[in-house]
C-alpha atoms as a PDB file:
ATOM      1  CA  UNK A   1       4.648 -16.507  10.131  1.00  0.00           C
ATOM      2  CA  UNK A   2       5.393 -13.287   8.601  1.00  0.00           C
ATOM      3  CA  UNK A   3       7.968 -13.220   5.444  1.00  0.00           C
ATOM      4  CA  UNK A   4      10.033 -10.535   4.738  1.00  0.00           C
ATOM      5  CA  UNK A   5      13.477  -9.368   3.059  1.00  0.00           C
ATOM      6  CA  UNK A   6      12.836  -5.656   3.704  1.00  0.00           C
ATOM      7  CA  UNK A   7      15.068  -3.490   5.506  1.00  0.00           C
ATOM      8  CA  UNK A   8      15.030  -0.028   7.112  1.00  0.00           C
ATOM      9  CA  UNK A   9      15.769   1.560   3.688  1.00  0.00           C
ATOM     10  CA  UNK A  10      12.435   0.673   2.548  1.00  0.00           C
ATOM     11  CA  UNK A  11      10.419   2.586   5.311  1.00  0.00           C
ATOM     12  CA  UNK A  12       9.015   5.064   2.929  1.00  0.00           C
ATOM     13  CA  UNK A  13       7.603   2.538   0.461  1.00  0.00           C
ATOM     14  CA  UNK A  14       3.701   2.290   0.605  1.00  0.00           C
ATOM     15  CA  UNK A  15       1.662  -0.451   2.344  1.00  0.00           C
ATOM     16  CA  UNK A  16      -0.726  -2.276   0.121  1.00  0.00           C
ATOM     17  CA  UNK A  17      -4.165  -3.341   1.271  1.00  0.00           C
ATOM     18  CA  UNK A  18      -6.589  -5.837  -0.813  1.00  0.00           C
ATOM     19  CA  UNK A  19      -9.992  -7.337  -0.352  1.00  0.00           C
ATOM     20  CA  UNK A  20     -12.637  -8.703  -2.915  1.00  0.00           C
ATOM     21  CA  UNK A  21     -14.476  -5.457  -2.388  1.00  0.00           C
ATOM     22  CA  UNK A  22     -15.033  -2.670  -0.072  1.00  0.00           C
ATOM     23  CA  UNK A  23     -15.259  -4.984   3.254  1.00  0.00           C
ATOM     24  CA  UNK A  24     -11.278  -4.263   3.465  1.00  0.00           C
ATOM     25  CA  UNK A  25     -11.881  -1.070   4.222  1.00  0.00           C
ATOM     26  CA  UNK A  26     -12.862  -1.974   7.858  1.00  0.00           C
ATOM     27  CA  UNK A  27      -9.048  -3.157   8.069  1.00  0.00           C
ATOM     28  CA  UNK A  28      -7.982  -0.166   6.139  1.00  0.00           C
ATOM     29  CA  UNK A  29      -9.644   2.309   8.612  1.00  0.00           C
ATOM     30  CA  UNK A  30      -8.035   0.744  11.742  1.00  0.00           C
ATOM     31  CA  UNK A  31      -4.743   0.900   9.812  1.00  0.00           C
ATOM     32  CA  UNK A  32      -4.865   4.549   9.231  1.00  0.00           C
ATOM     33  CA  UNK A  33      -5.935   5.194  12.833  1.00  0.00           C
ATOM     34  CA  UNK A  34      -2.759   3.447  14.119  1.00  0.00           C
ATOM     35  CA  UNK A  35      -0.457   4.268  11.276  1.00  0.00           C
ATOM     36  CA  UNK A  36      -1.659   7.574   9.855  1.00  0.00           C
ATOM     37  CA  UNK A  37       1.839   8.512   8.485  1.00  0.00           C
ATOM     38  CA  UNK A  38       2.186   5.677   5.986  1.00  0.00           C
ATOM     39  CA  UNK A  39       1.453   5.893   2.256  1.00  0.00           C
ATOM     40  CA  UNK A  40      -1.121   3.369   1.114  1.00  0.00           C
ATOM     41  CA  UNK A  41      -2.564   1.541  -1.989  1.00  0.00           C
ATOM     42  CA  UNK A  42      -5.903  -0.216  -1.602  1.00  0.00           C
ATOM     43  CA  UNK A  43      -7.117  -2.432  -4.127  1.00  0.00           C
ATOM     44  CA  UNK A  44     -10.610  -3.977  -4.248  1.00  0.00           C
ATOM     45  CA  UNK A  45     -11.321  -6.760  -6.776  1.00  0.00           C
ATOM     46  CA  UNK A  46     -14.878  -6.093  -7.489  1.00  0.00           C
ATOM     47  CA  UNK A  47     -14.702  -7.764 -10.884  1.00  0.00           C
ATOM     48  CA  UNK A  48     -14.282 -11.188  -9.184  1.00  0.00           C
ATOM     49  CA  UNK A  49     -16.170 -10.426  -5.860  1.00  0.00           C
ATOM     50  CA  UNK A  50     -17.380 -12.377  -4.030  1.00  0.00           C
ATOM     51  CA  UNK A  51     -14.289 -14.643  -3.188  1.00  0.00           C
ATOM     52  CA  UNK A  52     -15.999 -16.820  -0.736  1.00  0.00           C
ATOM     53  CA  UNK A  53     -17.687 -19.220  -3.320  1.00  0.00           C
ATOM     54  CA  UNK A  54     -14.453 -19.802  -5.191  1.00  0.00           C
ATOM     55  CA  UNK A  55     -11.999 -22.774  -5.296  1.00  0.00           C
ATOM     56  CA  UNK A  56      -8.764 -22.505  -3.913  1.00  0.00           C
ATOM     57  CA  UNK A  57      -7.058 -22.787  -7.211  1.00  0.00           C
ATOM     58  CA  UNK A  58      -9.328 -19.904  -8.566  1.00  0.00           C
ATOM     59  CA  UNK A  59      -8.246 -17.784  -5.706  1.00  0.00           C
ATOM     60  CA  UNK A  60      -4.517 -18.454  -6.360  1.00  0.00           C
ATOM     61  CA  UNK A  61      -4.997 -17.497 -10.159  1.00  0.00           C
ATOM     62  CA  UNK A  62      -6.811 -14.383  -9.066  1.00  0.00           C
ATOM     63  CA  UNK A  63      -4.458 -13.193  -6.567  1.00  0.00           C
ATOM     64  CA  UNK A  64      -1.435 -13.848  -8.705  1.00  0.00           C
ATOM     65  CA  UNK A  65      -2.115 -10.690 -10.603  1.00  0.00           C
ATOM     66  CA  UNK A  66      -2.788  -8.697  -7.416  1.00  0.00           C
ATOM     67  CA  UNK A  67       0.491  -9.797  -5.851  1.00  0.00           C
ATOM     68  CA  UNK A  68       2.506  -9.042  -8.986  1.00  0.00           C
ATOM     69  CA  UNK A  69       0.792  -5.657  -9.386  1.00  0.00           C
ATOM     70  CA  UNK A  70       2.067  -4.682  -5.861  1.00  0.00           C
ATOM     71  CA  UNK A  71       5.466  -5.872  -6.863  1.00  0.00           C
ATOM     72  CA  UNK A  72       5.508  -3.465  -9.689  1.00  0.00           C
ATOM     73  CA  UNK A  73       4.216  -0.609  -7.054  1.00  0.00           C
ATOM     74  CA  UNK A  74       7.377  -1.459  -5.143  1.00  0.00           C
ATOM     75  CA  UNK A  75       5.561  -1.773  -1.901  1.00  0.00           C
ATOM     76  CA  UNK A  76       7.115  -2.686   1.470  1.00  0.00           C
ATOM     77  CA  UNK A  77       4.020  -4.647   2.704  1.00  0.00           C
ATOM     78  CA  UNK A  78       0.728  -6.289   1.548  1.00  0.00           C
ATOM     79  CA  UNK A  79      -1.960  -6.545   3.985  1.00  0.00           C
ATOM     80  CA  UNK A  80      -4.310  -9.341   3.233  1.00  0.00           C
ATOM     81  CA  UNK A  81      -7.508  -7.979   4.493  1.00  0.00           C
ATOM     82  CA  UNK A  82      -9.398 -10.673   3.015  1.00  0.00           C
ATOM     83  CA  UNK A  83      -9.900 -13.687   5.281  1.00  0.00           C
ATOM     84  CA  UNK A  84     -10.785 -15.948   2.336  1.00  0.00           C
ATOM     85  CA  UNK A  85      -7.343 -15.240   0.715  1.00  0.00           C
ATOM     86  CA  UNK A  86      -5.545 -15.637   3.855  1.00  0.00           C
ATOM     87  CA  UNK A  87      -7.047 -18.940   4.522  1.00  0.00           C
ATOM     88  CA  UNK A  88      -6.315 -20.180   0.916  1.00  0.00           C
ATOM     89  CA  UNK A  89      -3.393 -18.567  -0.756  1.00  0.00           C
ATOM     90  CA  UNK A  90      -1.097 -17.092   1.936  1.00  0.00           C
ATOM     91  CA  UNK A  91       1.014 -20.374   2.036  1.00  0.00           C
ATOM     92  CA  UNK A  92       1.335 -20.321  -1.708  1.00  0.00           C
ATOM     93  CA  UNK A  93       2.646 -16.774  -1.785  1.00  0.00           C
ATOM     94  CA  UNK A  94       4.651 -16.548   1.236  1.00  0.00           C
ATOM     95  CA  UNK A  95       8.225 -15.911   0.812  1.00  0.00           C
ATOM     96  CA  UNK A  96       7.904 -15.421  -3.046  1.00  0.00           C
ATOM     97  CA  UNK A  97       7.971 -11.655  -2.959  1.00  0.00           C
ATOM     98  CA  UNK A  98      10.506  -8.913  -1.547  1.00  0.00           C
ATOM     99  CA  UNK A  99       7.774  -7.349   0.593  1.00  0.00           C
ATOM    100  CA  UNK A 100       6.133  -8.532   3.836  1.00  0.00           C
ATOM    101  CA  UNK A 101       2.774 -10.390   3.702  1.00  0.00           C
ATOM    102  CA  UNK A 102       0.466  -9.774   6.508  1.00  0.00           C
ATOM    103  CA  UNK A 103      -2.528 -12.508   6.368  1.00  0.00           C
ATOM    104  CA  UNK A 104      -5.460 -11.471   8.690  1.00  0.00           C
ATOM    105  CA  UNK A 105      -5.984 -14.855  10.078  1.00  0.00           C
ATOM    106  CA  UNK A 106      -2.571 -15.981  10.780  1.00  0.00           C
ATOM    107  CA  UNK A 107      -1.632 -12.698  12.209  1.00  0.00           C
ATOM    108  CA  UNK A 108      -4.609 -12.549  14.522  1.00  0.00           C
ATOM    109  CA  UNK A 109      -4.776 -16.226  15.507  1.00  0.00           C
ATOM    110  CA  UNK A 110      -2.086 -15.934  18.290  1.00  0.00           C
ATOM    111  CA  UNK A 111      -3.929 -12.902  19.979  1.00  0.00           C
ATOM    112  CA  UNK A 112      -7.304 -14.195  19.848  1.00  0.00           C
ATOM    113  CA  UNK A 113      -5.980 -17.587  21.192  1.00  0.00           C
ATOM    114  CA  UNK A 114      -4.942 -15.630  24.579  1.00  0.00           C
ATOM    115  CA  UNK A 115      -8.282 -14.256  25.108  1.00  0.00           C
ATOM    116  CA  UNK A 116     -10.322 -15.710  28.055  1.00  0.00           C
ATOM    117  CA  UNK A 117     -12.559 -17.880  25.863  1.00  0.00           C
ATOM    118  CA  UNK A 118     -13.365 -21.561  26.128  1.00  0.00           C
ATOM    119  CA  UNK A 119     -15.918 -21.510  23.334  1.00  0.00           C
ATOM    120  CA  UNK A 120     -15.480 -19.587  20.129  1.00  0.00           C
ATOM    121  CA  UNK A 121     -18.003 -19.263  17.163  1.00  0.00           C
ATOM    122  CA  UNK A 122     -16.574 -18.283  13.816  1.00  0.00           C
ATOM    123  CA  UNK A 123     -18.570 -16.652  10.977  1.00  0.00           C
ATOM    124  CA  UNK A 124     -16.951 -16.686   7.597  1.00  0.00           C
ATOM    125  CA  UNK A 125     -17.269 -17.364   3.855  1.00  0.00           C
ATOM    126  CA  UNK A 126     -17.602 -20.859   2.732  1.00  0.00           C
ATOM    127  CA  UNK A 127     -14.049 -20.990   1.230  1.00  0.00           C
ATOM    128  CA  UNK A 128     -12.785 -19.874   4.677  1.00  0.00           C
ATOM    129  CA  UNK A 129     -14.519 -22.332   6.409  1.00  0.00           C
ATOM    130  CA  UNK A 130     -13.707 -25.052   4.067  1.00  0.00           C
ATOM    131  CA  UNK A 131      -9.953 -24.378   4.891  1.00  0.00           C
ATOM    132  CA  UNK A 132     -10.310 -24.748   8.526  1.00  0.00           C
ATOM    133  CA  UNK A 133      -7.922 -22.058   8.887  1.00  0.00           C
ATOM    134  CA  UNK A 134      -9.332 -20.239  11.970  1.00  0.00           C
ATOM    135  CA  UNK A 135      -9.655 -23.475  13.890  1.00  0.00           C
ATOM    136  CA  UNK A 136      -6.311 -24.869  12.936  1.00  0.00           C
ATOM    137  CA  UNK A 137      -4.397 -21.564  13.680  1.00  0.00           C
ATOM    138  CA  UNK A 138      -6.060 -20.784  16.985  1.00  0.00           C
ATOM    139  CA  UNK A 139      -5.671 -24.375  18.073  1.00  0.00           C
ATOM    140  CA  UNK A 140      -2.062 -24.289  17.275  1.00  0.00           C
ATOM    141  CA  UNK A 141      -1.690 -21.804  19.918  1.00  0.00           C
ATOM    142  CA  UNK A 142      -4.316 -22.849  22.586  1.00  0.00           C
ATOM    143  CA  UNK A 143      -5.974 -26.294  21.861  1.00  0.00           C
ATOM    144  CA  UNK A 144      -8.299 -25.824  24.771  1.00  0.00           C
ATOM    145  CA  UNK A 145     -10.345 -23.460  22.791  1.00  0.00           C
ATOM    146  CA  UNK A 146     -13.304 -25.162  21.260  1.00  0.00           C
ATOM    147  CA  UNK A 147     -13.896 -23.477  17.739  1.00  0.00           C
ATOM    148  CA  UNK A 148     -17.091 -23.863  15.980  1.00  0.00           C
ATOM    149  CA  UNK A 149     -16.742 -22.495  12.501  1.00  0.00           C
ATOM    150  CA  UNK A 150     -19.971 -21.537  10.267  1.00  0.00           C
ATOM    151  CA  UNK A 151     -20.193 -20.508   6.609  1.00  0.00           C
ATOM    152  CA  UNK A 152     -22.621 -17.618   5.814  1.00  0.00           C
ATOM    153  CA  UNK A 153     -23.347 -17.483   2.227  1.00  0.00           C
ATOM    154  CA  UNK A 154     -24.977 -14.397   1.155  1.00  0.00           C
ATOM    155  CA  UNK A 155     -23.627 -11.964   3.803  1.00  0.00           C
ATOM    156  CA  UNK A 156     -20.969 -10.444   1.544  1.00  0.00           C
ATOM    157  CA  UNK A 157     -23.614  -9.883  -1.083  1.00  0.00           C
ATOM    158  CA  UNK A 158     -25.892  -8.174   1.606  1.00  0.00           C
ATOM    159  CA  UNK A 159     -23.001  -5.887   2.493  1.00  0.00           C
ATOM    160  CA  UNK A 160     -21.832  -4.927  -0.920  1.00  0.00           C
ATOM    161  CA  UNK A 161     -25.579  -4.149  -1.885  1.00  0.00           C
ATOM    162  CA  UNK A 162     -26.215  -2.170   1.272  1.00  0.00           C
ATOM    163  CA  UNK A 163     -29.213  -4.634   2.125  1.00  0.00           C
ATOM    164  CA  UNK A 164     -28.512  -5.392   5.649  1.00  0.00           C
ATOM    165  CA  UNK A 165     -31.904  -3.966   6.783  1.00  0.00           C
ATOM    166  CA  UNK A 166     -34.007  -5.678   4.063  1.00  0.00           C
ATOM    167  CA  UNK A 167     -36.513  -8.362   5.588  1.00  0.00           C
ATOM    168  CA  UNK A 168     -34.901 -11.353   3.683  1.00  0.00           C
ATOM    169  CA  UNK A 169     -31.394 -10.320   4.832  1.00  0.00           C
ATOM    170  CA  UNK A 170     -32.463 -10.076   8.355  1.00  0.00           C
ATOM    171  CA  UNK A 171     -34.150 -13.341   8.200  1.00  0.00           C
ATOM    172  CA  UNK A 172     -31.102 -14.963   6.706  1.00  0.00           C
ATOM    173  CA  UNK A 173     -28.776 -13.413   9.384  1.00  0.00           C
ATOM    174  CA  UNK A 174     -30.998 -14.580  12.211  1.00  0.00           C
ATOM    175  CA  UNK A 175     -31.236 -18.001  10.869  1.00  0.00           C
ATOM    176  CA  UNK A 176     -27.424 -18.262  11.045  1.00  0.00           C
ATOM    177  CA  UNK A 177     -27.092 -16.714  14.402  1.00  0.00           C
ATOM    178  CA  UNK A 178     -29.913 -19.247  15.923  1.00  0.00           C
ATOM    179  CA  UNK A 179     -27.807 -22.040  14.455  1.00  0.00           C
ATOM    180  CA  UNK A 180     -24.494 -20.728  15.945  1.00  0.00           C
ATOM    181  CA  UNK A 181     -25.971 -20.055  19.293  1.00  0.00           C
ATOM    182  CA  UNK A 182     -26.898 -23.796  19.758  1.00  0.00           C
ATOM    183  CA  UNK A 183     -23.210 -24.109  20.377  1.00  0.00           C
ATOM    184  CA  UNK A 184     -23.322 -21.764  23.452  1.00  0.00           C
ATOM    185  CA  UNK A 185     -20.185 -19.792  22.310  1.00  0.00           C
ATOM    186  CA  UNK A 186     -18.538 -17.284  24.535  1.00  0.00           C
ATOM    187  CA  UNK A 187     -17.696 -15.109  21.661  1.00  0.00           C
ATOM    188  CA  UNK A 188     -18.282 -14.942  17.977  1.00  0.00           C
ATOM    189  CA  UNK A 189     -15.531 -14.013  15.568  1.00  0.00           C
ATOM    190  CA  UNK A 190     -16.421 -11.987  12.613  1.00  0.00           C
ATOM    191  CA  UNK A 191     -14.278 -13.917  10.132  1.00  0.00           C
ATOM    192  CA  UNK A 192     -14.800 -11.818   6.880  1.00  0.00           C
ATOM    193  CA  UNK A 193     -13.971  -8.133   6.711  1.00  0.00           C
ATOM    194  CA  UNK A 194     -17.560  -7.574   5.461  1.00  0.00           C
ATOM    195  CA  UNK A 195     -19.238  -8.793   8.430  1.00  0.00           C
ATOM    196  CA  UNK A 196     -18.571  -5.978  11.106  1.00  0.00           C
ATOM    197  CA  UNK A 197     -20.917  -3.913   9.129  1.00  0.00           C
ATOM    198  CA  UNK A 198     -23.713  -6.326   9.989  1.00  0.00           C
ATOM    199  CA  UNK A 199     -23.028  -5.565  13.830  1.00  0.00           C
ATOM    200  CA  UNK A 200     -26.367  -3.713  14.319  1.00  0.00           C
ATOM    201  CA  UNK A 201     -28.397  -6.378  12.959  1.00  0.00           C
ATOM    202  CA  UNK A 202     -26.384  -9.144  14.739  1.00  0.00           C
ATOM    203  CA  UNK A 203     -26.510  -7.409  18.039  1.00  0.00           C
ATOM    204  CA  UNK A 204     -30.351  -7.769  18.098  1.00  0.00           C
ATOM    205  CA  UNK A 205     -30.001 -11.192  18.323  1.00  0.00           C
ATOM    206  CA  UNK A 206     -27.102 -11.467  20.733  1.00  0.00           C
ATOM    207  CA  UNK A 207     -25.090  -8.782  23.062  1.00  0.00           C
ATOM    208  CA  UNK A 208     -22.776  -6.528  20.819  1.00  0.00           C
ATOM    209  CA  UNK A 209     -19.890  -7.237  23.204  1.00  0.00           C
ATOM    210  CA  UNK A 210     -20.059 -11.233  22.243  1.00  0.00           C
ATOM    211  CA  UNK A 211     -18.738 -10.412  18.709  1.00  0.00           C
ATOM    212  CA  UNK A 212     -15.044 -10.011  17.863  1.00  0.00           C
ATOM    213  CA  UNK A 213     -13.848  -7.910  14.935  1.00  0.00           C
ATOM    214  CA  UNK A 214     -10.231  -9.015  14.156  1.00  0.00           C
ATOM    215  CA  UNK A 215      -9.395  -5.734  12.530  1.00  0.00           C
ATOM    216  CA  UNK A 216      -8.270  -3.838  15.520  1.00  0.00           C
ATOM    217  CA  UNK A 217      -6.097  -6.813  16.653  1.00  0.00           C
ATOM    218  CA  UNK A 218      -4.662  -7.060  13.089  1.00  0.00           C
ATOM    219  CA  UNK A 219      -3.731  -3.275  12.513  1.00  0.00           C
ATOM    220  CA  UNK A 220      -1.924  -3.212  16.099  1.00  0.00           C
ATOM    221  CA  UNK A 221      -0.149  -6.363  15.194  1.00  0.00           C
ATOM    222  CA  UNK A 222       1.161  -4.663  11.919  1.00  0.00           C
ATOM    223  CA  UNK A 223       2.303  -1.628  13.686  1.00  0.00           C
ATOM    224  CA  UNK A 224       4.240  -3.477  16.263  1.00  0.00           C
ATOM    225  CA  UNK A 225       5.958  -5.727  13.451  1.00  0.00           C
ATOM    226  CA  UNK A 226       6.767  -2.663  11.567  1.00  0.00           C
ATOM    227  CA  UNK A 227       7.916  -0.552  14.382  1.00  0.00           C
ATOM    228  CA  UNK A 228      10.213  -3.648  15.548  1.00  0.00           C
ATOM    229  CA  UNK A 229      12.031  -3.510  12.295  1.00  0.00           C
ATOM    230  CA  UNK A 230      12.384   0.197  11.965  1.00  0.00           C
ATOM    231  CA  UNK A 231      10.137   0.360   9.065  1.00  0.00           C
ATOM    232  CA  UNK A 232       7.531   2.940  10.135  1.00  0.00           C
ATOM    233  CA  UNK A 233       7.187   5.823   7.824  1.00  0.00           C
ATOM    234  CA  UNK A 234       6.973   9.138   9.396  1.00  0.00           C
ATOM    235  CA  UNK A 235       6.491  11.450   6.441  1.00  0.00           C
ATOM    236  CA  UNK A 236       3.760   9.946   4.419  1.00  0.00           C
ATOM    237  CA  UNK A 237      -0.124   9.937   4.728  1.00  0.00           C
ATOM    238  CA  UNK A 238      -0.998   9.712   0.974  1.00  0.00           C
ATOM    239  CA  UNK A 239      -3.567   7.144  -0.068  1.00  0.00           C
ATOM    240  CA  UNK A 240      -4.420   5.812  -3.693  1.00  0.00           C
ATOM    241  CA  UNK A 241      -7.555   3.501  -4.136  1.00  0.00           C
ATOM    242  CA  UNK A 242      -8.076   1.147  -7.334  1.00  0.00           C
ATOM    243  CA  UNK A 243     -10.736  -1.363  -8.376  1.00  0.00           C
ATOM    244  CA  UNK A 244     -10.944  -4.119 -11.067  1.00  0.00           C
ATOM    245  CA  UNK A 245     -14.524  -2.917 -11.922  1.00  0.00           C
ATOM    246  CA  UNK A 246     -17.318  -0.820 -10.751  1.00  0.00           C
ATOM    247  CA  UNK A 247     -15.678   2.321  -9.237  1.00  0.00           C
ATOM    248  CA  UNK A 248     -19.010   4.205  -8.788  1.00  0.00           C
ATOM    249  CA  UNK A 249     -20.223   1.156  -6.808  1.00  0.00           C
ATOM    250  CA  UNK A 250     -17.094   1.140  -4.538  1.00  0.00           C
ATOM    251  CA  UNK A 251     -17.249   4.835  -3.840  1.00  0.00           C
ATOM    252  CA  UNK A 252     -21.001   4.720  -2.786  1.00  0.00           C
ATOM    253  CA  UNK A 253     -20.603   1.225  -0.785  1.00  0.00           C
ATOM    254  CA  UNK A 254     -17.275   2.367   0.606  1.00  0.00           C
ATOM    255  CA  UNK A 255     -18.665   5.139   2.487  1.00  0.00           C
ATOM    256  CA  UNK A 256     -20.311   2.632   4.785  1.00  0.00           C
ATOM    257  CA  UNK A 257     -16.644   2.036   6.179  1.00  0.00           C
ATOM    258  CA  UNK A 258     -14.433   4.973   5.175  1.00  0.00           C
ATOM    259  CA  UNK A 259     -14.812   8.495   3.764  1.00  0.00           C
ATOM    260  CA  UNK A 260     -13.613   8.205   0.288  1.00  0.00           C
ATOM    261  CA  UNK A 261     -13.449  11.651  -1.369  1.00  0.00           C
ATOM    262  CA  UNK A 262     -13.089  10.473  -5.028  1.00  0.00           C
ATOM    263  CA  UNK A 263     -13.920   7.402  -7.024  1.00  0.00           C
ATOM    264  CA  UNK A 264     -10.968   4.800  -7.219  1.00  0.00           C
ATOM    265  CA  UNK A 265      -9.182   4.433 -10.428  1.00  0.00           C
ATOM    266  CA  UNK A 266      -9.990   1.408 -12.628  1.00  0.00           C
ATOM    267  CA  UNK A 267      -7.162  -1.076 -13.523  1.00  0.00           C
ATOM    268  CA  UNK A 268      -7.501  -4.308 -15.454  1.00  0.00           C
ATOM    269  CA  UNK A 269      -4.880  -6.952 -15.607  1.00  0.00           C
ATOM    270  CA  UNK A 270      -3.846  -8.259 -18.800  1.00  0.00           C
ATOM    271  CA  UNK A 271      -4.093 -12.222 -18.937  1.00  0.00           C
ATOM    272  CA  UNK A 272      -1.896 -14.091 -21.141  1.00  0.00           C
END
């Protein structure tokens, strides 16, 4: 599932993390907790956020720039914190670079499939749901789990705009929850890195422990994999943040997930 040509000589190289916006910071925060001695590069593609309504080909084209940028930065691993790209572009880029790719869906599916669940709801973006990735990957390991996937248009914009407590936002979330609960799920997986920020609202309509944030599973999976290949850095701890647009907005919104001390640097990719 995970591609790599890295060796132990690469342990001091940075780990890259990317998402369409600030949501990937939920994964990044967990990574920092379990791997505090790594050097990190975080990239938020605010210029093209949200990814969830884009076509597969659009996503492939957008992420080509990101993957090539990380190649230039000589990273040892790229964490695809974005569920939408994990669902739609991982297979396109797997084995094409000299760094390890960690896609959140494929990395977490085996772990989630081993949980005592018979009926699993999945909230995700339209592009993730259209791909069927969560259902496909989970049933690959456990065909007995019934998976009910549901797109949640507008949720990313709610989080990016910090509008989770607005009346219209709460109403939209309630409508989605009501529809999902008709499936009588044992658990509901939050299949977008932005969605855990909505837990306070979501838990007014169902028990908080019904929801699964895959970020913790994902971070531990990455740690175990790097450790098994002697690629853990023991001397790092530095971090750099970059965005494709709106650095001030990222710093403000990012504080919901992670304590950013300064604005990220702006980088723009030159397209032929």
